[in-house]
């Protein structure tokens, strides 16, 4: 007889229709699924033939043994919603992930967690903002949560790790995937210094609809979410909306009104997000950080003289690569 958590992991691997899946979880013993035939599902309110066929096809030792082998190969741990170490912050959100596949360090949600999201094609200004605020948060032992995408996400993880902070990357694929491939070195660093998690089973590919779904986990884990740069219809704004629905704080980096990458962030501020100008804007809002003053958190970034010159030019308004090269 399998424990409910193990049956749940089996079911999670099948990509079942959600309403049918949720109804299965109302059974007194999930293990009964392995004795059920097609007719036994006929009384389900959300009967789904495709999902039933998947269960009947896969409830065999060969499939389950391969599933376990894959988990042992790629996962540090698997956490289900039935487990005591399932994150409380996620239990309280709408549609909490039923299973979390974990790679890298064991998942640690004990510290203050701040989500950082933004444009995949970020500007020099966006990179500067990430370096400024993530470095300061790292000095407060904050955990940085993001989505391992190109641009702002990747840079937030990178700066966190460079400052010896813990970071959690939430994927829209299985944890066996390094997507996008351009971040393969960052993935390797995250396996050593941080944690990669996903609600999607081993082998899950990068389907477009997975990424808006994973955003609820980024915001759900976080006490507050920073939106660094965002176009008017950016996926980062989905994360901000979810954060608001979950009762999380939303911080937005003000930007140039002529920049397409600041349209979303500026509108967030107009609509009530907290403008993030200095680290005190966060520490004054997040209760667990109120013990930290701005003086305790600010400091010189560990950068070269050439990098300092570039930052000075960014502050003066030079934001394109060509303009920075001409000036430096």
C-alpha atoms as a PDB file:
ATOM      1  CA  UNK A   1       0.000   0.000   0.000  1.00  0.00           C
ATOM      2  CA  UNK A   2       1.346   3.429  -0.976  1.00  0.00           C
ATOM      3  CA  UNK A   3       1.164   6.444   1.313  1.00  0.00           C
ATOM      4  CA  UNK A   4      -1.039   9.315   0.170  1.00  0.00           C
ATOM      5  CA  UNK A   5       2.001  11.535  -0.504  1.00  0.00           C
ATOM      6  CA  UNK A   6       3.488   8.920  -2.825  1.00  0.00           C
ATOM      7  CA  UNK A   7       0.209   8.469  -4.691  1.00  0.00           C
ATOM      8  CA  UNK A   8       0.039  12.254  -5.019  1.00  0.00           C
ATOM      9  CA  UNK A   9       3.495  12.312  -6.619  1.00  0.00           C
ATOM     10  CA  UNK A  10       2.317   9.628  -9.052  1.00  0.00           C
ATOM     11  CA  UNK A  11      -0.794  11.647  -9.937  1.00  0.00           C
ATOM     12  CA  UNK A  12       1.233  14.847 -10.324  1.00  0.00           C
ATOM     13  CA  UNK A  13       3.350  13.173 -12.988  1.00  0.00           C
ATOM     14  CA  UNK A  14       0.300  12.567 -15.214  1.00  0.00           C
ATOM     15  CA  UNK A  15      -0.800  16.166 -15.970  1.00  0.00           C
ATOM     16  CA  UNK A  16      -4.415  15.450 -15.021  1.00  0.00           C
ATOM     17  CA  UNK A  17      -7.298  17.836 -15.641  1.00  0.00           C
ATOM     18  CA  UNK A  18      -7.364  20.044 -12.554  1.00  0.00           C
ATOM     19  CA  UNK A  19     -10.989  19.687 -11.398  1.00  0.00           C
ATOM     20  CA  UNK A  20     -10.861  15.911 -11.809  1.00  0.00           C
ATOM     21  CA  UNK A  21      -7.487  15.830 -10.026  1.00  0.00           C
ATOM     22  CA  UNK A  22      -8.868  17.808  -7.096  1.00  0.00           C
ATOM     23  CA  UNK A  23     -11.854  15.478  -6.823  1.00  0.00           C
ATOM     24  CA  UNK A  24      -9.524  12.475  -6.662  1.00  0.00           C
ATOM     25  CA  UNK A  25      -7.927  14.011  -3.591  1.00  0.00           C
ATOM     26  CA  UNK A  26     -11.240  13.793  -1.726  1.00  0.00           C
ATOM     27  CA  UNK A  27     -10.993   9.982  -1.643  1.00  0.00           C
ATOM     28  CA  UNK A  28     -10.529   8.563   1.849  1.00  0.00           C
ATOM     29  CA  UNK A  29      -7.538   6.538   0.669  1.00  0.00           C
ATOM     30  CA  UNK A  30      -5.686   7.712  -2.424  1.00  0.00           C
ATOM     31  CA  UNK A  31      -4.166   4.255  -2.747  1.00  0.00           C
ATOM     32  CA  UNK A  32      -7.628   3.002  -3.803  1.00  0.00           C
ATOM     33  CA  UNK A  33      -6.886   4.510  -7.221  1.00  0.00           C
ATOM     34  CA  UNK A  34      -4.680   1.531  -8.027  1.00  0.00           C
ATOM     35  CA  UNK A  35      -7.631  -0.842  -7.596  1.00  0.00           C
ATOM     36  CA  UNK A  36     -10.117   1.275  -9.545  1.00  0.00           C
ATOM     37  CA  UNK A  37     -11.267   0.519 -13.091  1.00  0.00           C
ATOM     38  CA  UNK A  38     -12.853   2.924 -15.567  1.00  0.00           C
ATOM     39  CA  UNK A  39     -16.396   2.320 -14.323  1.00  0.00           C
ATOM     40  CA  UNK A  40     -15.409   3.183 -10.755  1.00  0.00           C
ATOM     41  CA  UNK A  41     -14.891   6.807 -11.807  1.00  0.00           C
ATOM     42  CA  UNK A  42     -18.386   7.164 -13.293  1.00  0.00           C
ATOM     43  CA  UNK A  43     -19.844   8.895 -10.229  1.00  0.00           C
ATOM     44  CA  UNK A  44     -17.233  11.655 -10.229  1.00  0.00           C
ATOM     45  CA  UNK A  45     -18.711  15.140 -10.686  1.00  0.00           C
ATOM     46  CA  UNK A  46     -15.749  16.101 -12.874  1.00  0.00           C
ATOM     47  CA  UNK A  47     -15.408  12.871 -14.831  1.00  0.00           C
ATOM     48  CA  UNK A  48     -12.582  13.246 -17.356  1.00  0.00           C
ATOM     49  CA  UNK A  49     -11.967  10.402 -19.794  1.00  0.00           C
ATOM     50  CA  UNK A  50      -8.507  11.561 -20.844  1.00  0.00           C
ATOM     51  CA  UNK A  51      -7.273  11.764 -17.247  1.00  0.00           C
ATOM     52  CA  UNK A  52      -8.811   8.393 -16.359  1.00  0.00           C
ATOM     53  CA  UNK A  53      -7.087   6.772 -19.326  1.00  0.00           C
ATOM     54  CA  UNK A  54      -3.754   8.161 -18.135  1.00  0.00           C
ATOM     55  CA  UNK A  55      -4.229   6.666 -14.669  1.00  0.00           C
ATOM     56  CA  UNK A  56      -5.266   3.271 -16.026  1.00  0.00           C
ATOM     57  CA  UNK A  57      -2.342   3.215 -18.451  1.00  0.00           C
ATOM     58  CA  UNK A  58       0.343   4.308 -15.987  1.00  0.00           C
ATOM     59  CA  UNK A  59      -0.630   2.527 -12.747  1.00  0.00           C
ATOM     60  CA  UNK A  60       1.960  -0.186 -13.244  1.00  0.00           C
ATOM     61  CA  UNK A  61       5.300  -1.030 -11.668  1.00  0.00           C
ATOM     62  CA  UNK A  62       7.366  -0.148 -14.735  1.00  0.00           C
ATOM     63  CA  UNK A  63       6.027   3.411 -14.885  1.00  0.00           C
ATOM     64  CA  UNK A  64       6.269   3.962 -11.136  1.00  0.00           C
ATOM     65  CA  UNK A  65       9.798   2.537 -10.942  1.00  0.00           C
ATOM     66  CA  UNK A  66      10.913   4.850 -13.779  1.00  0.00           C
ATOM     67  CA  UNK A  67       9.264   7.811 -12.046  1.00  0.00           C
ATOM     68  CA  UNK A  68      11.096   7.018  -8.794  1.00  0.00           C
ATOM     69  CA  UNK A  69      14.376   6.561 -10.674  1.00  0.00           C
ATOM     70  CA  UNK A  70      14.004   9.984 -12.310  1.00  0.00           C
ATOM     71  CA  UNK A  71      13.231  11.629  -8.982  1.00  0.00           C
ATOM     72  CA  UNK A  72      16.276  10.028  -7.370  1.00  0.00           C
ATOM     73  CA  UNK A  73      18.419  11.205 -10.279  1.00  0.00           C
ATOM     74  CA  UNK A  74      17.298  14.818 -10.485  1.00  0.00           C
ATOM     75  CA  UNK A  75      15.774  15.809  -7.146  1.00  0.00           C
ATOM     76  CA  UNK A  76      17.271  16.667  -3.790  1.00  0.00           C
ATOM     77  CA  UNK A  77      13.821  16.258  -2.267  1.00  0.00           C
ATOM     78  CA  UNK A  78      10.139  16.153  -3.179  1.00  0.00           C
ATOM     79  CA  UNK A  79       7.704  18.006  -0.933  1.00  0.00           C
ATOM     80  CA  UNK A  80       3.967  17.386  -1.096  1.00  0.00           C
ATOM     81  CA  UNK A  81       1.115  19.371   0.365  1.00  0.00           C
ATOM     82  CA  UNK A  82       0.658  16.494   2.845  1.00  0.00           C
ATOM     83  CA  UNK A  83       4.156  16.962   4.291  1.00  0.00           C
ATOM     84  CA  UNK A  84       4.996  18.883   7.460  1.00  0.00           C
ATOM     85  CA  UNK A  85       7.784  20.792   5.710  1.00  0.00           C
ATOM     86  CA  UNK A  86       5.483  22.112   2.977  1.00  0.00           C
ATOM     87  CA  UNK A  87       5.846  25.946   2.998  1.00  0.00           C
ATOM     88  CA  UNK A  88       3.085  27.578   5.039  1.00  0.00           C
ATOM     89  CA  UNK A  89       3.113  30.635   2.762  1.00  0.00           C
ATOM     90  CA  UNK A  90       2.089  28.427  -0.161  1.00  0.00           C
ATOM     91  CA  UNK A  91      -0.573  26.577   1.814  1.00  0.00           C
ATOM     92  CA  UNK A  92      -2.423  29.867   2.174  1.00  0.00           C
ATOM     93  CA  UNK A  93      -2.555  30.882  -1.498  1.00  0.00           C
ATOM     94  CA  UNK A  94      -5.264  30.045  -4.005  1.00  0.00           C
ATOM     95  CA  UNK A  95      -4.448  26.792  -5.821  1.00  0.00           C
ATOM     96  CA  UNK A  96      -1.311  25.877  -3.875  1.00  0.00           C
ATOM     97  CA  UNK A  97       1.030  23.552  -5.782  1.00  0.00           C
ATOM     98  CA  UNK A  98       0.345  19.979  -4.709  1.00  0.00           C
ATOM     99  CA  UNK A  99       3.927  18.851  -5.207  1.00  0.00           C
ATOM    100  CA  UNK A 100       7.249  20.699  -5.213  1.00  0.00           C
ATOM    101  CA  UNK A 101      10.196  19.032  -6.927  1.00  0.00           C
ATOM    102  CA  UNK A 102      13.442  20.380  -5.474  1.00  0.00           C
ATOM    103  CA  UNK A 103      16.977  20.423  -6.902  1.00  0.00           C
ATOM    104  CA  UNK A 104      20.066  21.942  -5.302  1.00  0.00           C
ATOM    105  CA  UNK A 105      20.098  22.718  -1.599  1.00  0.00           C
ATOM    106  CA  UNK A 106      17.095  21.542   0.447  1.00  0.00           C
ATOM    107  CA  UNK A 107      14.340  24.150   0.302  1.00  0.00           C
ATOM    108  CA  UNK A 108      14.719  26.710   3.098  1.00  0.00           C
ATOM    109  CA  UNK A 109      11.819  29.107   3.625  1.00  0.00           C
ATOM    110  CA  UNK A 110      12.784  30.227   7.131  1.00  0.00           C
ATOM    111  CA  UNK A 111      14.123  33.664   6.190  1.00  0.00           C
ATOM    112  CA  UNK A 112      12.564  36.803   4.775  1.00  0.00           C
ATOM    113  CA  UNK A 113      11.860  36.153   1.102  1.00  0.00           C
ATOM    114  CA  UNK A 114      11.665  38.893  -1.516  1.00  0.00           C
ATOM    115  CA  UNK A 115      10.615  38.185  -5.095  1.00  0.00           C
ATOM    116  CA  UNK A 116      12.414  40.015  -7.906  1.00  0.00           C
ATOM    117  CA  UNK A 117      10.929  39.964 -11.413  1.00  0.00           C
ATOM    118  CA  UNK A 118      11.225  41.996 -14.581  1.00  0.00           C
ATOM    119  CA  UNK A 119      11.927  42.203 -18.275  1.00  0.00           C
ATOM    120  CA  UNK A 120      13.801  39.488 -20.133  1.00  0.00           C
ATOM    121  CA  UNK A 121      15.481  42.180 -22.231  1.00  0.00           C
ATOM    122  CA  UNK A 122      16.509  44.521 -19.459  1.00  0.00           C
ATOM    123  CA  UNK A 123      18.344  47.822 -19.813  1.00  0.00           C
ATOM    124  CA  UNK A 124      21.516  48.961 -18.074  1.00  0.00           C
ATOM    125  CA  UNK A 125      19.262  50.895 -15.689  1.00  0.00           C
ATOM    126  CA  UNK A 126      17.362  47.715 -14.818  1.00  0.00           C
ATOM    127  CA  UNK A 127      20.598  45.820 -14.175  1.00  0.00           C
ATOM    128  CA  UNK A 128      21.829  48.662 -11.983  1.00  0.00           C
ATOM    129  CA  UNK A 129      18.602  48.616  -9.954  1.00  0.00           C
ATOM    130  CA  UNK A 130      18.867  44.851  -9.438  1.00  0.00           C
ATOM    131  CA  UNK A 131      22.477  45.132  -8.305  1.00  0.00           C
ATOM    132  CA  UNK A 132      21.673  47.976  -5.932  1.00  0.00           C
ATOM    133  CA  UNK A 133      18.673  46.458  -4.186  1.00  0.00           C
ATOM    134  CA  UNK A 134      19.520  42.751  -4.282  1.00  0.00           C
ATOM    135  CA  UNK A 135      22.984  43.491  -2.860  1.00  0.00           C
ATOM    136  CA  UNK A 136      21.420  45.458  -0.022  1.00  0.00           C
ATOM    137  CA  UNK A 137      18.827  42.760   0.650  1.00  0.00           C
ATOM    138  CA  UNK A 138      21.567  40.129   0.625  1.00  0.00           C
ATOM    139  CA  UNK A 139      23.348  41.967   3.429  1.00  0.00           C
ATOM    140  CA  UNK A 140      20.155  41.524   5.458  1.00  0.00           C
ATOM    141  CA  UNK A 141      20.194  37.764   4.803  1.00  0.00           C
ATOM    142  CA  UNK A 142      17.090  38.002   2.633  1.00  0.00           C
ATOM    143  CA  UNK A 143      16.240  35.118   0.338  1.00  0.00           C
ATOM    144  CA  UNK A 144      15.830  36.227  -3.277  1.00  0.00           C
ATOM    145  CA  UNK A 145      13.054  34.460  -5.195  1.00  0.00           C
ATOM    146  CA  UNK A 146      12.750  34.663  -8.967  1.00  0.00           C
ATOM    147  CA  UNK A 147      11.997  32.644 -12.089  1.00  0.00           C
ATOM    148  CA  UNK A 148      15.390  31.810 -13.685  1.00  0.00           C
ATOM    149  CA  UNK A 149      14.375  33.557 -16.927  1.00  0.00           C
ATOM    150  CA  UNK A 150      16.754  35.686 -18.973  1.00  0.00           C
ATOM    151  CA  UNK A 151      17.240  39.308 -18.006  1.00  0.00           C
ATOM    152  CA  UNK A 152      16.123  40.602 -14.617  1.00  0.00           C
ATOM    153  CA  UNK A 153      15.368  37.140 -13.164  1.00  0.00           C
ATOM    154  CA  UNK A 154      18.790  35.729 -13.987  1.00  0.00           C
ATOM    155  CA  UNK A 155      20.588  38.866 -12.808  1.00  0.00           C
ATOM    156  CA  UNK A 156      18.712  38.851  -9.495  1.00  0.00           C
ATOM    157  CA  UNK A 157      19.794  35.254  -8.819  1.00  0.00           C
ATOM    158  CA  UNK A 158      23.366  36.039  -9.913  1.00  0.00           C
ATOM    159  CA  UNK A 159      23.750  39.083  -7.655  1.00  0.00           C
ATOM    160  CA  UNK A 160      22.213  37.195  -4.722  1.00  0.00           C
ATOM    161  CA  UNK A 161      24.702  34.337  -5.081  1.00  0.00           C
ATOM    162  CA  UNK A 162      27.641  36.723  -5.540  1.00  0.00           C
ATOM    163  CA  UNK A 163      26.688  38.306  -2.220  1.00  0.00           C
ATOM    164  CA  UNK A 164      26.394  34.912  -0.472  1.00  0.00           C
ATOM    165  CA  UNK A 165      22.616  35.155  -0.192  1.00  0.00           C
ATOM    166  CA  UNK A 166      20.293  32.189  -0.560  1.00  0.00           C
ATOM    167  CA  UNK A 167      18.153  32.200  -3.692  1.00  0.00           C
ATOM    168  CA  UNK A 168      15.159  30.163  -4.866  1.00  0.00           C
ATOM    169  CA  UNK A 169      14.475  29.716  -8.581  1.00  0.00           C
ATOM    170  CA  UNK A 170      10.942  28.720  -9.579  1.00  0.00           C
ATOM    171  CA  UNK A 171      10.727  26.965 -12.940  1.00  0.00           C
ATOM    172  CA  UNK A 172       8.020  26.521 -15.540  1.00  0.00           C
ATOM    173  CA  UNK A 173       9.629  23.216 -16.552  1.00  0.00           C
ATOM    174  CA  UNK A 174      10.794  20.103 -14.734  1.00  0.00           C
ATOM    175  CA  UNK A 175      13.842  20.581 -12.505  1.00  0.00           C
ATOM    176  CA  UNK A 176      15.826  18.351 -14.865  1.00  0.00           C
ATOM    177  CA  UNK A 177      15.677  21.116 -17.486  1.00  0.00           C
ATOM    178  CA  UNK A 178      18.080  24.035 -17.842  1.00  0.00           C
ATOM    179  CA  UNK A 179      15.743  26.462 -19.579  1.00  0.00           C
ATOM    180  CA  UNK A 180      16.739  28.797 -21.040  1.00  0.00           C
ATOM    181  CA  UNK A 181      20.014  27.183 -22.116  1.00  0.00           C
ATOM    182  CA  UNK A 182      21.774  30.541 -21.969  1.00  0.00           C
ATOM    183  CA  UNK A 183      21.495  30.322 -18.164  1.00  0.00           C
ATOM    184  CA  UNK A 184      23.230  26.933 -17.879  1.00  0.00           C
ATOM    185  CA  UNK A 185      26.105  28.325 -15.786  1.00  0.00           C
ATOM    186  CA  UNK A 186      23.634  30.052 -13.474  1.00  0.00           C
ATOM    187  CA  UNK A 187      21.748  26.766 -13.051  1.00  0.00           C
ATOM    188  CA  UNK A 188      24.984  25.058 -12.009  1.00  0.00           C
ATOM    189  CA  UNK A 189      25.645  27.779  -9.427  1.00  0.00           C
ATOM    190  CA  UNK A 190      22.088  27.544  -8.130  1.00  0.00           C
ATOM    191  CA  UNK A 191      22.448  23.785  -7.661  1.00  0.00           C
ATOM    192  CA  UNK A 192      25.472  24.481  -5.428  1.00  0.00           C
ATOM    193  CA  UNK A 193      24.406  27.638  -3.574  1.00  0.00           C
ATOM    194  CA  UNK A 194      20.641  27.908  -3.972  1.00  0.00           C
ATOM    195  CA  UNK A 195      17.531  25.890  -4.702  1.00  0.00           C
ATOM    196  CA  UNK A 196      15.559  25.203  -7.865  1.00  0.00           C
ATOM    197  CA  UNK A 197      11.907  24.208  -7.450  1.00  0.00           C
ATOM    198  CA  UNK A 198       9.012  23.348  -9.746  1.00  0.00           C
ATOM    199  CA  UNK A 199       5.503  21.995  -9.478  1.00  0.00           C
ATOM    200  CA  UNK A 200       6.037  20.301 -12.838  1.00  0.00           C
ATOM    201  CA  UNK A 201       7.304  16.704 -12.917  1.00  0.00           C
ATOM    202  CA  UNK A 202      10.596  15.470 -14.309  1.00  0.00           C
ATOM    203  CA  UNK A 203      10.604  15.774 -18.087  1.00  0.00           C
ATOM    204  CA  UNK A 204       8.074  18.617 -18.291  1.00  0.00           C
ATOM    205  CA  UNK A 205       8.983  20.896 -21.187  1.00  0.00           C
ATOM    206  CA  UNK A 206       8.767  24.676 -21.481  1.00  0.00           C
ATOM    207  CA  UNK A 207       5.118  25.170 -22.419  1.00  0.00           C
ATOM    208  CA  UNK A 208       4.045  28.837 -22.663  1.00  0.00           C
ATOM    209  CA  UNK A 209       1.151  28.496 -20.200  1.00  0.00           C
ATOM    210  CA  UNK A 210       3.444  27.034 -17.510  1.00  0.00           C
ATOM    211  CA  UNK A 211       5.215  30.324 -16.879  1.00  0.00           C
ATOM    212  CA  UNK A 212       2.242  32.478 -15.828  1.00  0.00           C
ATOM    213  CA  UNK A 213       1.248  29.540 -13.596  1.00  0.00           C
ATOM    214  CA  UNK A 214       4.611  29.409 -11.833  1.00  0.00           C
ATOM    215  CA  UNK A 215       4.369  33.137 -11.092  1.00  0.00           C
ATOM    216  CA  UNK A 216       1.846  32.453  -8.311  1.00  0.00           C
ATOM    217  CA  UNK A 217       4.557  30.405  -6.565  1.00  0.00           C
ATOM    218  CA  UNK A 218       7.131  33.208  -6.858  1.00  0.00           C
ATOM    219  CA  UNK A 219       4.721  35.699  -5.313  1.00  0.00           C
ATOM    220  CA  UNK A 220       3.291  33.151  -2.887  1.00  0.00           C
ATOM    221  CA  UNK A 221       6.683  32.401  -1.353  1.00  0.00           C
ATOM    222  CA  UNK A 222       7.574  36.085  -1.017  1.00  0.00           C
ATOM    223  CA  UNK A 223       6.692  38.663   1.610  1.00  0.00           C
ATOM    224  CA  UNK A 224       7.049  41.285  -1.100  1.00  0.00           C
ATOM    225  CA  UNK A 225       7.711  41.401  -4.834  1.00  0.00           C
ATOM    226  CA  UNK A 226       9.946  43.912  -6.624  1.00  0.00           C
ATOM    227  CA  UNK A 227       9.098  44.629 -10.262  1.00  0.00           C
ATOM    228  CA  UNK A 228      12.232  46.085 -11.829  1.00  0.00           C
ATOM    229  CA  UNK A 229      11.334  46.669 -15.471  1.00  0.00           C
ATOM    230  CA  UNK A 230       8.212  45.665 -17.369  1.00  0.00           C
ATOM    231  CA  UNK A 231       6.622  46.425 -20.695  1.00  0.00           C
ATOM    232  CA  UNK A 232       2.933  47.278 -20.721  1.00  0.00           C
ATOM    233  CA  UNK A 233       1.876  43.634 -21.162  1.00  0.00           C
ATOM    234  CA  UNK A 234       4.793  41.976 -19.391  1.00  0.00           C
ATOM    235  CA  UNK A 235       4.466  38.651 -17.599  1.00  0.00           C
ATOM    236  CA  UNK A 236       5.964  40.427 -14.590  1.00  0.00           C
ATOM    237  CA  UNK A 237       2.681  42.292 -14.239  1.00  0.00           C
ATOM    238  CA  UNK A 238       0.942  38.924 -13.851  1.00  0.00           C
ATOM    239  CA  UNK A 239       3.236  38.266 -10.896  1.00  0.00           C
ATOM    240  CA  UNK A 240       2.390  41.683  -9.470  1.00  0.00           C
ATOM    241  CA  UNK A 241      -1.348  41.038  -9.829  1.00  0.00           C
ATOM    242  CA  UNK A 242      -1.016  37.648  -8.143  1.00  0.00           C
ATOM    243  CA  UNK A 243       1.045  39.204  -5.363  1.00  0.00           C
ATOM    244  CA  UNK A 244      -1.716  41.742  -4.748  1.00  0.00           C
ATOM    245  CA  UNK A 245      -4.360  39.002  -4.677  1.00  0.00           C
ATOM    246  CA  UNK A 246      -2.234  37.067  -2.179  1.00  0.00           C
ATOM    247  CA  UNK A 247      -1.840  40.086   0.089  1.00  0.00           C
ATOM    248  CA  UNK A 248       1.856  40.582  -0.634  1.00  0.00           C
ATOM    249  CA  UNK A 249       3.588  43.945  -0.856  1.00  0.00           C
ATOM    250  CA  UNK A 250       4.375  45.204  -4.369  1.00  0.00           C
ATOM    251  CA  UNK A 251       7.411  47.401  -4.957  1.00  0.00           C
ATOM    252  CA  UNK A 252       8.023  48.973  -8.354  1.00  0.00           C
ATOM    253  CA  UNK A 253      11.138  50.682  -9.706  1.00  0.00           C
ATOM    254  CA  UNK A 254      10.233  54.074 -11.225  1.00  0.00           C
ATOM    255  CA  UNK A 255      11.599  54.522 -14.730  1.00  0.00           C
ATOM    256  CA  UNK A 256      11.984  56.867 -17.657  1.00  0.00           C
ATOM    257  CA  UNK A 257       8.535  57.675 -19.066  1.00  0.00           C
ATOM    258  CA  UNK A 258       9.978  57.294 -22.578  1.00  0.00           C
ATOM    259  CA  UNK A 259      11.249  53.753 -21.973  1.00  0.00           C
ATOM    260  CA  UNK A 260       9.051  50.848 -23.082  1.00  0.00           C
ATOM    261  CA  UNK A 261      10.594  48.836 -20.245  1.00  0.00           C
ATOM    262  CA  UNK A 262       9.254  51.242 -17.619  1.00  0.00           C
ATOM    263  CA  UNK A 263       5.673  51.570 -18.850  1.00  0.00           C
ATOM    264  CA  UNK A 264       4.551  48.633 -16.707  1.00  0.00           C
ATOM    265  CA  UNK A 265       6.454  49.655 -13.577  1.00  0.00           C
ATOM    266  CA  UNK A 266       5.316  53.277 -13.766  1.00  0.00           C
ATOM    267  CA  UNK A 267       1.694  52.210 -14.183  1.00  0.00           C
ATOM    268  CA  UNK A 268       2.025  49.887 -11.182  1.00  0.00           C
ATOM    269  CA  UNK A 269       3.068  52.887  -9.115  1.00  0.00           C
ATOM    270  CA  UNK A 270       0.161  54.917 -10.476  1.00  0.00           C
ATOM    271  CA  UNK A 271      -2.158  52.070  -9.474  1.00  0.00           C
ATOM    272  CA  UNK A 272      -0.865  51.820  -5.911  1.00  0.00           C
ATOM    273  CA  UNK A 273       2.438  49.911  -5.876  1.00  0.00           C
ATOM    274  CA  UNK A 274       5.135  51.250  -3.567  1.00  0.00           C
ATOM    275  CA  UNK A 275       7.779  53.199  -5.528  1.00  0.00           C
ATOM    276  CA  UNK A 276      11.156  51.678  -4.705  1.00  0.00           C
ATOM    277  CA  UNK A 277      13.785  54.401  -4.556  1.00  0.00           C
ATOM    278  CA  UNK A 278      15.880  53.341  -1.576  1.00  0.00           C
ATOM    279  CA  UNK A 279      16.118  50.199   0.532  1.00  0.00           C
ATOM    280  CA  UNK A 280      14.250  51.934   3.356  1.00  0.00           C
ATOM    281  CA  UNK A 281      11.143  51.742   1.179  1.00  0.00           C
ATOM    282  CA  UNK A 282      11.251  47.979   1.775  1.00  0.00           C
ATOM    283  CA  UNK A 283      12.517  47.843   5.350  1.00  0.00           C
ATOM    284  CA  UNK A 284       9.815  50.242   6.526  1.00  0.00           C
ATOM    285  CA  UNK A 285       7.070  48.021   5.070  1.00  0.00           C
ATOM    286  CA  UNK A 286       8.204  44.430   5.674  1.00  0.00           C
ATOM    287  CA  UNK A 287       7.784  43.849   9.436  1.00  0.00           C
ATOM    288  CA  UNK A 288      10.648  41.367   9.738  1.00  0.00           C
ATOM    289  CA  UNK A 289      13.056  43.907   8.217  1.00  0.00           C
ATOM    290  CA  UNK A 290      12.100  46.893  10.339  1.00  0.00           C
ATOM    291  CA  UNK A 291      15.027  46.235  12.679  1.00  0.00           C
ATOM    292  CA  UNK A 292      17.360  47.140   9.830  1.00  0.00           C
ATOM    293  CA  UNK A 293      17.987  50.808   9.160  1.00  0.00           C
ATOM    294  CA  UNK A 294      19.034  52.246   5.868  1.00  0.00           C
ATOM    295  CA  UNK A 295      22.433  53.104   7.362  1.00  0.00           C
ATOM    296  CA  UNK A 296      23.039  49.470   8.307  1.00  0.00           C
ATOM    297  CA  UNK A 297      22.194  48.186   4.860  1.00  0.00           C
ATOM    298  CA  UNK A 298      23.816  50.664   2.510  1.00  0.00           C
ATOM    299  CA  UNK A 299      27.397  50.408   1.445  1.00  0.00           C
ATOM    300  CA  UNK A 300      29.764  50.384  -1.463  1.00  0.00           C
ATOM    301  CA  UNK A 301      29.216  47.678  -4.051  1.00  0.00           C
ATOM    302  CA  UNK A 302      32.230  45.442  -4.613  1.00  0.00           C
ATOM    303  CA  UNK A 303      32.954  46.769  -8.113  1.00  0.00           C
ATOM    304  CA  UNK A 304      35.898  48.010 -10.132  1.00  0.00           C
ATOM    305  CA  UNK A 305      36.662  51.656 -10.944  1.00  0.00           C
ATOM    306  CA  UNK A 306      35.498  51.088 -14.527  1.00  0.00           C
ATOM    307  CA  UNK A 307      32.199  49.651 -13.270  1.00  0.00           C
ATOM    308  CA  UNK A 308      31.791  52.630 -10.920  1.00  0.00           C
ATOM    309  CA  UNK A 309      32.218  54.957 -13.896  1.00  0.00           C
ATOM    310  CA  UNK A 310      29.522  53.075 -15.813  1.00  0.00           C
ATOM    311  CA  UNK A 311      27.154  53.322 -12.838  1.00  0.00           C
ATOM    312  CA  UNK A 312      27.796  57.067 -12.637  1.00  0.00           C
ATOM    313  CA  UNK A 313      26.893  57.427 -16.315  1.00  0.00           C
ATOM    314  CA  UNK A 314      23.707  55.417 -15.803  1.00  0.00           C
ATOM    315  CA  UNK A 315      22.769  57.768 -12.967  1.00  0.00           C
ATOM    316  CA  UNK A 316      23.355  60.685 -15.362  1.00  0.00           C
ATOM    317  CA  UNK A 317      20.890  59.140 -17.812  1.00  0.00           C
ATOM    318  CA  UNK A 318      23.094  57.257 -20.287  1.00  0.00           C
ATOM    319  CA  UNK A 319      21.203  53.994 -20.663  1.00  0.00           C
ATOM    320  CA  UNK A 320      21.971  52.435 -24.035  1.00  0.00           C
ATOM    321  CA  UNK A 321      25.067  50.326 -24.613  1.00  0.00           C
ATOM    322  CA  UNK A 322      26.292  52.661 -27.390  1.00  0.00           C
ATOM    323  CA  UNK A 323      25.847  55.753 -25.251  1.00  0.00           C
ATOM    324  CA  UNK A 324      27.711  54.154 -22.361  1.00  0.00           C
ATOM    325  CA  UNK A 325      30.581  53.123 -24.653  1.00  0.00           C
ATOM    326  CA  UNK A 326      30.860  56.663 -26.056  1.00  0.00           C
ATOM    327  CA  UNK A 327      30.999  58.143 -22.570  1.00  0.00           C
ATOM    328  CA  UNK A 328      33.353  55.603 -20.976  1.00  0.00           C
END
